[in-house]
C-alpha cells in the first residue's frame, strides 16, 4: 500500500487526499429491520473506547453537553436528499437549511411579527429538523410511511432531549415563559424546551408553527431557484415549485410570489417557460382554500411528491 494511502472500510485503499476531501461527508447509514435510535447510533458512532476514525457513541445521562455538541455535527454533514435525485451531490445540508430559515424568520413583516413570539419562531427554525441528525432526510420517494417517519423522529428527539440533555444544565427558555423553560440554570430545561418547540412544529396548531412551516417552504423555493440559476438552463427543479401553493399566510405568500416572478424572468430569458411554475390563479385559489391556517400542505415538509 502506498505511503499516502490507508485502508477503506471495504478493505480497498484510499488516498490521504481523498480521505481529507471527504471529511465533510457522513452518509446516513441504512438500518436493517425496524429502525431504532440504538441501531442508528451504533451505525454512525464507534463503540466507546475503540480505536476508530469515528467519534465514540455519545455517553448517555451525562452532565456534559459535549455528546450533544458532537451529534449536532451530523446536521452539518447530512445533505438534504431532494436535490440528490437531480445530481446535486454537494448540495445544502440540513444545518444550512435551518440556519437560513432562522435568519429569514427575523425579517417577518412587522404586522405579522407583532402577532407572533418571534424568539420562539427563530428557535423553531433551528430545531424543527433536528431529528434528521440520526433519522436522515426522509423524502416521499423513500417509501417510508408518514406514521413511521414520525415515530423515528419522535424517538430521536426523546433521545436527544432526554438521554443526551436530561442531565445538562443550561438556560431554559425565557423568563417571560414563552420559551418553555423558567429562565434559570435548570438541569434538563434546555432539553425540555427543545422537545416542546419541536413538537409544536410537528403539531402545526399555533400561529408560530404556521409561520415556520411557511418559512420552511420559502427556503426550499429560494434554494430551488438558486440551483436553477447556477445550472444555466441544465437543471430543472420545477417539481418543487408546487410548495408555493401550500403556504398559508398572506405575508409569506407575497414572498413566494415575488420569488416566482424572478424565476419566471430567469427561464423566459433562456427562451423557455418556467417548468412546474404555479400560475397566479393557482396561487390565489390555494390561498382561499385555507380556512384554518394550516392544511395537509405541511405534510409536504419541503419535498416534492411521489410521481
Protein backbone atom coordinates (compact mmCIF):
# COMPACT_ATOMS: atom_id res chain seq x y z
CA UNK A 1 0.00 0.00 0.00
CA UNK A 2 1.33 3.45 -0.89
CA UNK A 3 2.58 5.64 1.93
CA UNK A 4 -0.17 8.16 1.28
CA UNK A 5 -2.92 5.55 1.36
CA UNK A 6 -4.94 3.89 4.12
CA UNK A 7 -7.46 1.06 4.18
CA UNK A 8 -11.08 1.93 3.45
CA UNK A 9 -13.86 0.17 5.39
CA UNK A 10 -14.29 -2.29 2.49
CA UNK A 11 -10.60 -3.16 2.51
CA UNK A 12 -9.61 -1.14 -0.54
CA UNK A 13 -7.04 1.63 -0.38
CA UNK A 14 -7.97 5.30 -0.47
CA UNK A 15 -5.53 8.17 -0.75
CA UNK A 16 -5.00 10.62 2.06
CA UNK A 17 -6.13 13.35 -0.33
CA UNK A 18 -9.45 11.57 -0.88
CA UNK A 19 -9.82 10.97 2.84
CA UNK A 20 -9.34 14.66 3.59
CA UNK A 21 -11.63 15.75 0.76
CA UNK A 22 -14.45 13.61 2.16
CA UNK A 23 -14.16 14.70 5.80
CA UNK A 24 -17.33 16.76 5.46
CA UNK A 25 -19.39 13.85 4.14
CA UNK A 26 -21.05 11.46 6.60
CA UNK A 27 -23.73 9.41 4.80
CA UNK A 28 -26.78 8.38 6.79
CA UNK A 29 -26.48 4.59 7.21
CA UNK A 30 -29.22 2.24 6.09
CA UNK A 31 -30.74 0.35 9.01
CA UNK A 32 -31.83 -3.25 8.52
CA UNK A 33 -35.16 -4.26 10.05
CA UNK A 34 -37.03 -1.98 12.40
CA UNK A 35 -35.37 1.41 12.79
CA UNK A 36 -34.35 2.29 16.34
CA UNK A 37 -32.21 5.00 17.87
CA UNK A 38 -29.83 2.35 19.23
CA UNK A 39 -29.29 0.88 15.76
CA UNK A 40 -28.76 4.31 14.26
CA UNK A 41 -26.22 5.43 16.85
CA UNK A 42 -24.37 2.10 16.61
CA UNK A 43 -24.12 2.50 12.84
CA UNK A 44 -22.98 6.13 12.98
CA UNK A 45 -20.68 6.19 16.01
CA UNK A 46 -17.79 3.99 17.06
CA UNK A 47 -18.07 1.77 20.15
CA UNK A 48 -16.94 3.60 23.28
CA UNK A 49 -13.18 3.32 23.78
CA UNK A 50 -12.46 1.80 20.36
CA UNK A 51 -9.62 2.88 18.09
CA UNK A 52 -11.64 4.31 15.25
CA UNK A 53 -11.83 7.32 12.94
CA UNK A 54 -15.42 7.85 14.13
CA UNK A 55 -16.49 9.69 17.26
CA UNK A 56 -17.46 7.43 20.12
CA UNK A 57 -21.13 6.81 20.72
CA UNK A 58 -22.46 9.72 22.81
CA UNK A 59 -22.40 8.96 26.51
CA UNK A 60 -25.92 8.92 27.97
CA UNK A 61 -27.12 10.78 31.04
CA UNK A 62 -24.03 12.91 31.45
CA UNK A 63 -23.88 16.48 32.74
CA UNK A 64 -21.53 17.41 29.89
CA UNK A 65 -23.00 18.98 26.73
CA UNK A 66 -20.16 17.62 24.56
CA UNK A 67 -22.03 14.48 23.38
CA UNK A 68 -24.86 16.73 22.19
CA UNK A 69 -22.42 19.13 20.55
CA UNK A 70 -20.82 16.25 18.62
CA UNK A 71 -24.19 14.92 17.50
CA UNK A 72 -25.08 18.35 16.10
CA UNK A 73 -22.27 17.96 13.55
CA UNK A 74 -24.43 15.40 11.76
CA UNK A 75 -26.81 18.21 10.85
CA UNK A 76 -23.88 19.87 9.05
CA UNK A 77 -22.73 16.74 7.22
CA UNK A 78 -26.14 15.28 6.27
CA UNK A 79 -27.36 16.56 2.92
CA UNK A 80 -30.94 17.45 2.01
CA UNK A 81 -31.89 14.47 -0.11
CA UNK A 82 -34.38 16.03 -2.52
CA UNK A 83 -31.60 17.62 -4.57
CA UNK A 84 -29.59 14.41 -4.93
CA UNK A 85 -32.16 12.95 -7.31
CA UNK A 86 -31.21 15.74 -9.71
CA UNK A 87 -27.48 15.07 -9.49
CA UNK A 88 -26.72 17.82 -6.96
CA UNK A 89 -24.50 15.66 -4.77
CA UNK A 90 -22.83 18.51 -2.88
CA UNK A 91 -25.98 20.45 -2.10
CA UNK A 92 -27.12 22.07 1.09
CA UNK A 93 -27.03 20.32 4.44
CA UNK A 94 -29.82 20.16 6.99
CA UNK A 95 -27.98 22.76 9.07
CA UNK A 96 -27.65 25.04 6.03
CA UNK A 97 -31.41 24.88 5.55
CA UNK A 98 -32.29 25.56 9.19
CA UNK A 99 -29.76 28.37 9.57
CA UNK A 100 -31.07 30.34 6.61
CA UNK A 101 -34.62 29.76 7.86
CA UNK A 102 -33.73 31.31 11.22
CA UNK A 103 -32.30 34.42 9.54
CA UNK A 104 -35.31 34.67 7.23
CA UNK A 105 -37.68 34.49 10.19
CA UNK A 106 -36.04 37.60 11.65
CA UNK A 107 -37.39 39.51 8.63
CA UNK A 108 -41.04 38.73 9.25
CA UNK A 109 -43.09 41.74 8.11
CA UNK A 110 -43.86 43.98 11.12
CA UNK A 111 -47.62 43.43 11.02
CA UNK A 112 -47.05 39.66 11.12
CA UNK A 113 -44.23 39.79 13.67
CA UNK A 114 -46.49 41.74 16.05
CA UNK A 115 -48.79 38.71 16.23
CA UNK A 116 -46.02 36.18 16.90
CA UNK A 117 -43.48 35.23 19.54
CA UNK A 118 -40.52 35.84 17.24
CA UNK A 119 -37.91 34.40 19.61
CA UNK A 120 -39.85 31.15 19.64
CA UNK A 121 -40.16 31.20 15.84
CA UNK A 122 -36.40 31.56 15.41
CA UNK A 123 -35.77 28.71 17.85
CA UNK A 124 -38.32 26.60 15.99
CA UNK A 125 -36.47 27.20 12.73
CA UNK A 126 -33.27 26.00 14.39
CA UNK A 127 -34.67 22.77 15.87
CA UNK A 128 -37.50 21.66 13.55
CA UNK A 129 -35.32 19.22 11.57
CA UNK A 130 -33.01 18.25 14.44
CA UNK A 131 -34.19 14.62 14.39
CA UNK A 132 -32.69 14.23 10.92
CA UNK A 133 -29.25 14.09 12.57
CA UNK A 134 -29.98 10.38 13.17
CA UNK A 135 -33.03 9.67 11.02
CA UNK A 136 -31.66 11.32 7.89
CA UNK A 137 -33.65 13.41 5.45
CA UNK A 138 -36.54 11.09 4.56
CA UNK A 139 -38.32 12.09 1.36
CA UNK A 140 -41.55 10.75 -0.17
CA UNK A 141 -39.58 8.70 -2.70
CA UNK A 142 -38.05 6.69 0.17
CA UNK A 143 -41.38 4.98 0.71
CA UNK A 144 -41.37 5.40 4.50
CA UNK A 145 -44.99 5.85 5.69
CA UNK A 146 -45.66 9.14 7.46
CA UNK A 147 -46.54 7.45 10.81
CA UNK A 148 -43.23 5.56 10.70
CA UNK A 149 -41.30 8.72 9.84
CA UNK A 150 -43.00 10.47 12.77
CA UNK A 151 -42.14 7.57 15.10
CA UNK A 152 -38.47 7.66 14.16
CA UNK A 153 -38.25 11.41 14.56
CA UNK A 154 -40.08 11.46 17.91
CA UNK A 155 -37.84 8.67 19.24
CA UNK A 156 -34.78 10.61 18.14
CA UNK A 157 -35.97 13.80 19.81
CA UNK A 158 -36.66 11.88 23.03
CA UNK A 159 -33.10 10.54 22.85
CA UNK A 160 -31.51 13.93 22.15
CA UNK A 161 -33.51 15.96 24.65
CA UNK A 162 -33.75 13.28 27.35
CA UNK A 163 -30.80 10.89 27.14
CA UNK A 164 -28.26 13.48 25.99
CA UNK A 165 -29.61 16.68 27.56
CA UNK A 166 -31.65 15.44 30.52
CA UNK A 167 -28.79 15.98 32.98
CA UNK A 168 -27.27 19.03 31.30
CA UNK A 169 -27.74 22.39 32.96
CA UNK A 170 -28.35 25.48 30.91
CA UNK A 171 -30.54 28.45 30.27
CA UNK A 172 -34.03 27.02 29.78
CA UNK A 173 -36.08 29.47 27.82
CA UNK A 174 -37.19 32.99 28.61
CA UNK A 175 -38.23 34.39 31.96
CA UNK A 176 -41.47 35.53 30.37
CA UNK A 177 -42.41 31.89 30.00
CA UNK A 178 -42.66 31.97 26.20
CA UNK A 179 -39.62 29.77 25.72
CA UNK A 180 -40.88 26.69 27.51
CA UNK A 181 -38.43 26.99 30.42
CA UNK A 182 -38.17 29.04 33.57
CA UNK A 183 -35.16 31.13 32.62
CA UNK A 184 -32.98 29.57 35.33
CA UNK A 185 -29.92 27.35 35.16
CA UNK A 186 -32.24 24.36 35.45
CA UNK A 187 -30.90 20.87 34.78
CA UNK A 188 -32.62 19.49 31.71
CA UNK A 189 -34.54 22.69 30.95
CA UNK A 190 -32.93 23.22 27.55
CA UNK A 191 -33.79 19.69 26.51
CA UNK A 192 -37.39 20.12 27.60
CA UNK A 193 -37.66 23.40 25.73
CA UNK A 194 -36.22 21.93 22.51
CA UNK A 195 -38.60 18.96 22.74
CA UNK A 196 -41.62 21.22 23.29
CA UNK A 197 -40.75 23.55 20.41
CA UNK A 198 -40.11 20.62 18.07
CA UNK A 199 -43.47 19.09 18.99
CA UNK A 200 -45.20 22.42 18.44
CA UNK A 201 -43.81 22.49 14.90
CA UNK A 202 -44.97 18.93 14.29
CA UNK A 203 -48.47 19.62 15.61
CA UNK A 204 -48.75 22.74 13.41
CA UNK A 205 -51.51 24.24 15.54
CA UNK A 206 -50.09 27.61 16.61
CA UNK A 207 -49.51 30.85 14.69
CA UNK A 208 -45.76 30.46 15.25
CA UNK A 209 -45.73 26.96 13.75
CA UNK A 210 -47.79 28.12 10.76
CA UNK A 211 -45.22 30.84 10.09
CA UNK A 212 -42.25 28.49 10.43
CA UNK A 213 -43.85 25.92 8.11
CA UNK A 214 -44.20 28.69 5.55
CA UNK A 215 -40.59 29.78 6.04
CA UNK A 216 -39.56 26.14 5.54
CA UNK A 217 -41.27 26.13 2.16
CA UNK A 218 -39.93 29.55 1.22
CA UNK A 219 -36.37 28.45 1.94
CA UNK A 220 -36.91 25.46 -0.35
CA UNK A 221 -38.18 27.74 -3.12
CA UNK A 222 -35.16 30.01 -2.74
CA UNK A 223 -32.75 27.08 -2.98
CA UNK A 224 -34.60 25.67 -5.99
CA UNK A 225 -34.29 28.99 -7.81
CA UNK A 226 -30.63 29.43 -6.86
CA UNK A 227 -29.65 25.98 -8.10
CA UNK A 228 -31.58 26.53 -11.34
CA UNK A 229 -29.84 29.89 -11.80
CA UNK A 230 -26.36 28.39 -11.44
CA UNK A 231 -27.40 25.42 -13.58
CA UNK A 232 -27.51 27.67 -16.67
CA UNK A 233 -30.63 26.02 -18.03
CA UNK A 234 -29.45 22.43 -17.48
CA UNK A 235 -31.19 21.96 -14.11
CA UNK A 236 -35.00 21.79 -13.98
CA UNK A 237 -36.23 21.69 -10.39
CA UNK A 238 -39.77 22.67 -11.28
CA UNK A 239 -41.36 19.81 -9.38
CA UNK A 240 -40.54 21.68 -6.17
CA UNK A 241 -42.32 24.87 -7.24
CA UNK A 242 -45.70 23.48 -6.16
CA UNK A 243 -44.89 24.16 -2.49
CA UNK A 244 -45.72 27.82 -3.13
CA UNK A 245 -49.38 26.76 -3.30
CA UNK A 246 -49.09 25.21 0.17
CA UNK A 247 -48.10 28.36 2.04
CA UNK A 248 -50.81 29.67 4.33
CA UNK A 249 -50.01 33.22 5.43
CA UNK A 250 -50.57 36.24 3.15
CA UNK A 251 -47.22 37.76 4.11
CA UNK A 252 -45.18 34.68 3.25
CA UNK A 253 -47.22 34.01 0.12
CA UNK A 254 -46.18 37.51 -1.01
CA UNK A 255 -42.54 36.46 -0.61
CA UNK A 256 -43.19 33.37 -2.72
CA UNK A 257 -44.99 35.32 -5.43
CA UNK A 258 -42.06 37.74 -5.73
CA UNK A 259 -39.59 34.86 -5.97
CA UNK A 260 -41.65 33.09 -8.62
CA UNK A 261 -41.64 36.29 -10.65
CA UNK A 262 -37.83 36.21 -10.50
CA UNK A 263 -37.87 32.58 -11.60
CA UNK A 264 -40.27 33.33 -14.44
CA UNK A 265 -37.95 36.06 -15.73
CA UNK A 266 -34.94 33.75 -15.50
CA UNK A 267 -36.47 30.95 -17.55
CA UNK A 268 -38.01 33.28 -20.11
CA UNK A 269 -34.61 34.94 -20.60
CA UNK A 270 -33.48 31.46 -21.67
CA UNK A 271 -36.34 31.17 -24.13
CA UNK A 272 -38.43 28.78 -22.02
CA UNK A 273 -41.49 28.91 -19.82
CA UNK A 274 -40.59 28.18 -16.18
CA UNK A 275 -41.17 24.43 -15.66
CA UNK A 276 -43.63 23.46 -12.95
CA UNK A 277 -44.43 27.08 -12.16
CA UNK A 278 -47.83 27.55 -10.48
CA UNK A 279 -49.88 30.33 -12.05
CA UNK A 280 -51.16 33.32 -10.12
CA UNK A 281 -54.75 31.97 -10.30
CA UNK A 282 -53.47 28.70 -8.81
CA UNK A 283 -51.72 30.57 -6.01
CA UNK A 284 -54.83 32.64 -5.32
CA UNK A 285 -57.08 29.58 -5.36
CA UNK A 286 -54.76 27.81 -2.93
CA UNK A 287 -54.85 30.83 -0.63
CA UNK A 288 -58.64 30.97 -0.49
CA UNK A 289 -58.87 27.22 0.21
CA UNK A 290 -57.07 27.51 3.55
CA UNK A 291 -59.71 28.12 6.17
CA UNK A 292 -57.86 27.25 9.37
CA UNK A 293 -54.37 28.49 8.59
CA UNK A 294 -52.91 25.04 8.05
CA UNK A 295 -53.74 22.03 5.92
CA UNK A 296 -52.19 18.89 4.53
CA UNK A 297 -49.61 21.20 2.96
CA UNK A 298 -47.40 20.85 5.99
CA UNK A 299 -47.10 17.15 5.36
CA UNK A 300 -45.11 18.03 2.23
CA UNK A 301 -42.26 19.14 4.52
CA UNK A 302 -40.30 20.74 1.73
CA UNK A 303 -40.19 17.76 -0.58
CA UNK A 304 -41.68 17.05 -3.97
CA UNK A 305 -44.49 14.49 -4.14
CA UNK A 306 -44.18 10.96 -5.39
CA UNK A 307 -44.51 10.77 -9.15
